Amino acid sequence: MSPEVKNQVSLTASYTDEAYDAALSGTYQLAVLLGMDGLSYCILDPGKNKYLLLESYSFLNIYNYSSLCDTLGNLVKQSKFLNEKFKRTIVAFDGAKSTLIPAPLFENGDKENFMKFNHTLEGDEITLVDNLKGLGAKNLFAMPKSLQAKIGELFPGAELHHSSSAIIDSLLGKYKNQPGKRAIVHVQASHFEVLVMEGASMLFFNSFRHQTSEDFIYYLLFVCEQLKLNPENIDLVLLGEVEKNSTLYNVVYKYIRNLKFGERPEGFTYSYKLNEAPAHFYYSLLCQAK
């Protein structure tokens, strides 16, 4: 990787099963998770329903979408794996601007107006739509046309979604038969998602920015207060890149004792190489395949 790319990109994880065969990439499925903080991707062998490869990169000093497009282009160009031709490619955009609309209320011609209820659209941003069948809702999200074009150039024919769509679908399916209320928190480098369920119903979903553990617990306790959830007895599941006994984990455990880590998405098998990572890591990426 060139010095220019090294200044902006850091490889944080790499797991490759010996069974991965580049000559068979045309039978594999690629899922890419992209945001301002970084990029991760995994490769699934649909025939065996097995994840064979996962890599994760963090981005440094990426403050605008022009820089993100350049960094993405350089990374894909120099990647050993991302230049292969795959049977199916999914790109999940981890953008800050998304909103859920009940399907009966949604009109495609008004999607920009729906977005403007909660977000300001800037520059060349456009509104795209995911269909959440399990929730009976639409997930509207904004992204720049320039980034959409770059993704189309680098991954021709890729399906483009918002990262939260697969998280919601996956978690609703995973916990729908479990009684009582529970909160599921998915942690990422600069933000986290909170989903609150009661049985098969989703009561709440939102994303919050955080820089410190104090930010994190403030927003989490705010959600509990607004939904009248007692931190002393609510079941909370942690997913994403958070280590046990980290500062963040410890501050959450100080207030919420019914705390446990989640597991990888069900319905797949995973290379033994991925056992090197905690089972709750990379949930957002691994749930993109359907």
Protein backbone atom coordinates (compact mmCIF):
# COMPACT_ATOMS: atom_id res chain seq x y z
CA MET A 1 0.00 0.00 0.00
CA SER A 2 1.37 3.41 -0.97
CA PRO A 3 2.55 5.93 1.70
CA GLU A 4 -0.35 8.22 0.77
CA VAL A 5 -2.89 5.50 1.56
CA LYS A 6 -1.04 4.45 4.72
CA ASN A 7 -1.46 7.96 6.06
CA GLN A 8 -5.22 7.55 5.96
CA VAL A 9 -5.87 3.81 6.27
CA SER A 10 -4.96 1.34 8.99
CA LEU A 11 -5.64 -2.39 8.79
CA THR A 12 -7.25 -3.37 12.10
CA ALA A 13 -8.24 -7.00 11.44
CA SER A 14 -7.68 -9.68 8.81
CA TYR A 15 -9.02 -13.24 8.84
CA THR A 16 -8.77 -15.56 5.83
CA ASP A 17 -9.77 -19.22 5.76
CA GLU A 18 -7.51 -21.59 3.84
CA ALA A 19 -10.59 -22.70 1.88
CA TYR A 20 -10.87 -19.25 0.25
CA ASP A 21 -10.16 -19.65 -3.46
CA ALA A 22 -9.89 -16.52 -5.64
CA ALA A 23 -10.67 -18.66 -8.69
CA LEU A 24 -14.14 -19.24 -7.21
CA SER A 25 -14.88 -15.58 -6.45
CA GLY A 26 -17.59 -15.62 -9.12
CA THR A 27 -19.55 -17.94 -6.83
CA TYR A 28 -18.94 -15.90 -3.67
CA GLN A 29 -20.84 -12.99 -2.12
CA LEU A 30 -19.10 -9.80 -1.00
CA ALA A 31 -20.49 -7.49 1.69
CA VAL A 32 -18.86 -4.10 2.29
CA LEU A 33 -19.57 -1.75 5.20
CA LEU A 34 -18.43 1.81 4.51
CA GLY A 35 -18.45 4.98 6.60
CA MET A 36 -16.33 7.98 7.47
CA ASP A 37 -14.62 5.96 10.22
CA GLY A 38 -13.54 3.07 8.05
CA LEU A 39 -14.34 0.14 5.82
CA SER A 40 -14.80 -3.53 6.54
CA TYR A 41 -15.78 -6.36 4.26
CA CYS A 42 -16.48 -10.07 4.37
CA ILE A 43 -16.78 -12.81 1.79
CA LEU A 44 -19.42 -15.53 2.01
CA ASP A 45 -19.48 -18.85 0.19
CA PRO A 46 -23.26 -19.18 -0.40
CA GLY A 47 -22.94 -22.83 -1.44
CA LYS A 48 -21.63 -23.74 2.01
CA ASN A 49 -23.31 -20.75 3.71
CA LYS A 50 -19.91 -20.07 5.28
CA TYR A 51 -17.97 -16.85 5.86
CA LEU A 52 -14.43 -17.36 4.60
CA LEU A 53 -12.81 -13.94 4.92
CA LEU A 54 -13.12 -10.69 6.84
CA GLU A 55 -10.97 -7.56 6.83
CA SER A 56 -11.43 -4.25 8.62
CA TYR A 57 -9.73 -0.88 8.08
CA SER A 58 -9.95 2.33 10.08
CA PHE A 59 -9.74 5.72 8.34
CA LEU A 60 -7.80 8.65 9.74
CA ASN A 61 -8.30 12.33 8.91
CA ILE A 62 -11.28 11.69 6.62
CA TYR A 63 -13.51 14.72 7.13
CA ASN A 64 -15.47 15.02 3.87
CA TYR A 65 -16.94 12.81 1.18
CA SER A 66 -14.44 13.88 -1.47
CA SER A 67 -11.64 12.52 0.71
CA LEU A 68 -13.69 9.41 1.45
CA CYS A 69 -14.15 8.74 -2.27
CA ASP A 70 -10.41 9.12 -2.90
CA THR A 71 -9.49 6.87 0.01
CA LEU A 72 -12.04 4.26 -1.02
CA GLY A 73 -10.73 4.25 -4.59
CA ASN A 74 -7.12 3.83 -3.46
CA LEU A 75 -7.99 1.08 -1.02
CA VAL A 76 -9.99 -0.96 -3.54
CA LYS A 77 -7.34 -0.48 -6.22
CA GLN A 78 -4.61 -1.88 -4.01
CA SER A 79 -6.66 -4.59 -2.27
CA LYS A 80 -5.79 -8.24 -2.81
CA PHE A 81 -9.45 -9.26 -2.63
CA LEU A 82 -11.79 -6.37 -3.47
CA ASN A 83 -10.90 -6.35 -7.17
CA GLU A 84 -12.32 -9.82 -7.74
CA LYS A 85 -15.64 -10.31 -9.54
CA PHE A 86 -18.29 -11.66 -7.21
CA LYS A 87 -21.65 -13.31 -7.76
CA ARG A 88 -23.31 -10.70 -5.58
CA THR A 89 -22.04 -7.53 -3.92
CA ILE A 90 -23.74 -5.59 -1.14
CA VAL A 91 -22.46 -2.18 -0.05
CA ALA A 92 -23.87 -0.90 3.24
CA PHE A 93 -23.41 2.81 3.83
CA ASP A 94 -22.94 3.79 7.46
CA GLY A 95 -24.17 7.37 7.13
CA ALA A 96 -25.49 9.66 9.84
CA LYS A 97 -28.65 10.70 8.02
CA SER A 98 -31.41 8.09 8.08
CA THR A 99 -35.02 7.98 9.23
CA LEU A 100 -37.74 5.35 9.53
CA ILE A 101 -41.18 5.89 7.96
CA PRO A 102 -44.18 3.51 8.35
CA ALA A 103 -44.77 1.91 4.97
CA PRO A 104 -48.47 2.96 4.74
CA LEU A 105 -47.45 6.63 5.10
CA PHE A 106 -44.63 6.53 2.58
CA GLU A 107 -44.84 8.07 -0.89
CA ASN A 108 -41.71 7.78 -3.01
CA GLY A 109 -42.27 11.20 -4.55
CA ASP A 110 -42.10 12.76 -1.08
CA LYS A 111 -38.98 10.96 0.15
CA GLU A 112 -36.86 14.15 0.26
CA ASN A 113 -39.56 15.91 2.27
CA PHE A 114 -39.70 13.01 4.72
CA MET A 115 -35.92 13.21 5.15
CA LYS A 116 -36.08 16.95 5.78
CA PHE A 117 -38.26 16.39 8.84
CA ASN A 118 -35.19 15.10 10.67
CA HIS A 119 -32.15 16.07 8.59
CA THR A 120 -30.77 18.84 6.44
CA LEU A 121 -29.82 17.72 2.95
CA GLU A 122 -26.66 19.40 1.72
CA GLY A 123 -24.72 19.68 -1.52
CA ASP A 124 -25.36 16.80 -3.88
CA GLU A 125 -27.00 14.52 -1.30
CA ILE A 126 -29.80 12.31 -2.54
CA THR A 127 -32.36 10.21 -0.66
CA LEU A 128 -32.39 6.45 -1.10
CA VAL A 129 -34.88 3.97 0.34
CA ASP A 130 -34.63 0.52 1.95
CA ASN A 131 -37.69 -1.65 2.48
CA LEU A 132 -37.91 -3.24 5.94
CA LYS A 133 -40.50 -5.97 5.46
CA GLY A 134 -40.28 -7.33 8.99
CA LEU A 135 -40.96 -3.89 10.43
CA GLY A 136 -43.48 -2.72 7.83
CA ALA A 137 -41.43 0.41 7.30
CA LYS A 138 -39.10 2.23 4.94
CA ASN A 139 -35.60 3.28 5.94
CA LEU A 140 -34.74 6.53 4.17
CA PHE A 141 -31.10 7.58 4.03
CA ALA A 142 -29.06 10.31 2.42
CA MET A 143 -25.72 10.06 0.67
CA PRO A 144 -23.83 12.23 -1.84
CA LYS A 145 -24.29 11.44 -5.52
CA SER A 146 -20.50 11.53 -5.83
CA LEU A 147 -20.14 8.66 -3.35
CA GLN A 148 -22.96 6.72 -4.99
CA ALA A 149 -21.16 7.12 -8.34
CA LYS A 150 -17.82 6.03 -6.84
CA ILE A 151 -19.41 2.92 -5.35
CA GLY A 152 -21.00 2.14 -8.73
CA GLU A 153 -17.62 2.57 -10.42
CA LEU A 154 -15.72 0.35 -7.97
CA PHE A 155 -18.46 -2.26 -7.43
CA PRO A 156 -20.53 -2.45 -10.64
CA GLY A 157 -24.02 -3.80 -10.02
CA ALA A 158 -23.69 -3.63 -6.23
CA GLU A 159 -26.81 -3.45 -4.07
CA LEU A 160 -26.65 -0.27 -2.00
CA HIS A 161 -28.31 -0.09 1.42
CA HIS A 162 -28.05 1.76 4.70
CA SER A 163 -26.14 -0.21 7.32
CA SER A 164 -28.94 0.09 9.90
CA SER A 165 -31.48 -1.68 7.67
CA ALA A 166 -29.83 -5.08 8.03
CA ILE A 167 -29.19 -4.49 11.75
CA ILE A 168 -32.89 -3.85 12.37
CA ASP A 169 -34.06 -6.79 10.25
CA SER A 170 -31.54 -9.14 11.83
CA LEU A 171 -32.23 -8.18 15.44
CA LEU A 172 -36.01 -8.25 15.02
CA GLY A 173 -35.73 -11.77 13.66
CA LYS A 174 -33.28 -12.88 16.34
CA TYR A 175 -35.22 -11.68 19.40
CA LYS A 176 -38.85 -11.71 18.23
CA ASN A 177 -39.76 -14.84 20.21
CA GLN A 178 -38.16 -13.71 23.47
CA PRO A 179 -40.64 -12.17 25.95
CA GLY A 180 -40.17 -8.97 27.86
CA LYS A 181 -38.36 -5.75 27.06
CA ARG A 182 -34.72 -5.67 26.08
CA ALA A 183 -32.28 -3.12 24.71
CA ILE A 184 -29.70 -4.03 22.09
CA VAL A 185 -26.77 -1.65 21.70
CA HIS A 186 -24.50 -1.85 18.67
CA VAL A 187 -21.19 -0.04 19.26
CA GLN A 188 -18.99 1.51 16.58
CA ALA A 189 -15.97 3.81 16.68
CA SER A 190 -17.78 7.16 16.77
CA HIS A 191 -21.43 6.25 17.19
CA PHE A 192 -23.76 3.55 18.44
CA GLU A 193 -27.26 2.31 17.69
CA VAL A 194 -29.88 1.51 20.31
CA LEU A 195 -32.80 -0.78 19.54
CA VAL A 196 -35.43 -1.51 22.18
CA MET A 197 -37.82 -4.41 21.73
CA GLU A 198 -40.76 -5.90 23.57
CA GLY A 199 -41.46 -9.35 22.22
CA ALA A 200 -41.66 -9.03 18.45
CA SER A 201 -42.32 -5.26 18.54
CA MET A 202 -39.68 -2.59 18.11
CA LEU A 203 -40.30 0.27 20.53
CA PHE A 204 -37.31 2.45 19.67
CA PHE A 205 -34.37 2.79 17.31
CA ASN A 206 -31.86 5.61 17.04
CA SER A 207 -28.18 6.34 16.52
CA PHE A 208 -26.03 8.53 18.76
CA ARG A 209 -22.57 10.05 18.33
CA HIS A 210 -20.07 9.50 21.12
CA GLN A 211 -16.46 10.45 21.79
CA THR A 212 -16.15 9.35 25.41
CA SER A 213 -17.65 6.72 27.68
CA GLU A 214 -19.45 9.58 29.46
CA ASP A 215 -21.18 10.51 26.19
CA PHE A 216 -22.14 6.91 25.71
CA ILE A 217 -23.73 6.33 29.09
CA TYR A 218 -25.47 9.71 29.02
CA TYR A 219 -27.36 8.84 25.83
CA LEU A 220 -28.04 5.29 26.94
CA LEU A 221 -29.54 6.39 30.26
CA PHE A 222 -31.49 9.10 28.43
CA VAL A 223 -33.12 6.39 26.29
CA CYS A 224 -33.96 4.41 29.43
CA GLU A 225 -35.51 7.49 31.02
CA GLN A 226 -37.58 8.40 27.96
CA LEU A 227 -38.91 4.85 27.60
CA LYS A 228 -39.34 4.38 31.36
CA LEU A 229 -36.91 1.46 31.41
CA ASN A 230 -35.38 0.67 34.79
CA PRO A 231 -31.58 0.36 34.33
CA GLU A 232 -31.48 -2.00 37.31
CA ASN A 233 -33.56 -4.70 35.62
CA ILE A 234 -33.58 -4.06 31.86
CA ASP A 235 -31.82 -6.76 29.82
CA LEU A 236 -29.13 -5.16 27.66
CA VAL A 237 -27.23 -6.88 24.84
CA LEU A 238 -23.95 -5.39 23.59
CA LEU A 239 -22.82 -5.89 19.99
CA GLY A 240 -20.04 -4.40 17.91
CA GLU A 241 -16.45 -3.50 18.60
CA VAL A 242 -16.41 -3.12 22.38
CA GLU A 243 -14.05 -5.15 24.56
CA LYS A 244 -15.03 -6.69 27.87
CA ASN A 245 -13.54 -4.73 30.77
CA SER A 246 -12.94 -1.73 28.52
CA THR A 247 -13.73 1.70 29.95
CA LEU A 248 -16.96 1.76 27.97
CA TYR A 249 -18.06 -1.69 29.16
CA ASN A 250 -17.23 -0.87 32.77
CA VAL A 251 -19.20 2.39 32.79
CA VAL A 252 -22.24 0.63 31.30
CA TYR A 253 -21.99 -2.20 33.84
CA LYS A 254 -21.90 0.36 36.63
CA TYR A 255 -25.49 1.35 35.80
CA ILE A 256 -26.92 -1.70 34.00
CA ARG A 257 -26.20 -5.06 35.62
CA ASN A 258 -28.22 -7.33 33.30
CA LEU A 259 -25.57 -6.91 30.66
CA LYS A 260 -24.31 -9.51 28.21
CA PHE A 261 -22.61 -9.71 24.84
CA GLY A 262 -24.53 -10.86 21.80
CA GLU A 263 -23.52 -13.46 19.24
CA ARG A 264 -22.90 -13.48 15.50
CA PRO A 265 -25.91 -13.50 13.14
CA GLU A 266 -27.62 -16.88 13.03
CA GLY A 267 -28.08 -19.00 9.92
CA PHE A 268 -24.44 -19.00 8.82
CA THR A 269 -21.28 -20.90 9.61
CA TYR A 270 -18.02 -19.09 10.21
CA SER A 271 -14.40 -19.85 9.49
CA TYR A 272 -12.46 -20.96 12.55
CA LYS A 273 -10.21 -17.95 11.85
CA LEU A 274 -13.02 -15.68 13.05
CA ASN A 275 -12.81 -17.33 16.48
CA GLU A 276 -9.81 -15.06 17.03
CA ALA A 277 -12.31 -12.18 17.33
CA PRO A 278 -15.01 -11.94 20.03
CA ALA A 279 -18.33 -13.34 18.78
CA HIS A 280 -20.08 -9.97 19.20
CA PHE A 281 -17.64 -8.13 16.90
CA TYR A 282 -18.52 -7.11 13.30
CA TYR A 283 -22.26 -7.74 13.71
CA SER A 284 -23.22 -4.86 11.42
CA LEU A 285 -21.07 -6.29 8.64
CA LEU A 286 -21.95 -9.94 9.06
CA CYS A 287 -25.71 -9.35 9.07
CA GLN A 288 -25.69 -7.67 5.64
CA ALA A 289 -25.98 -11.00 3.80
CA LYS A 290 -29.53 -12.27 3.41
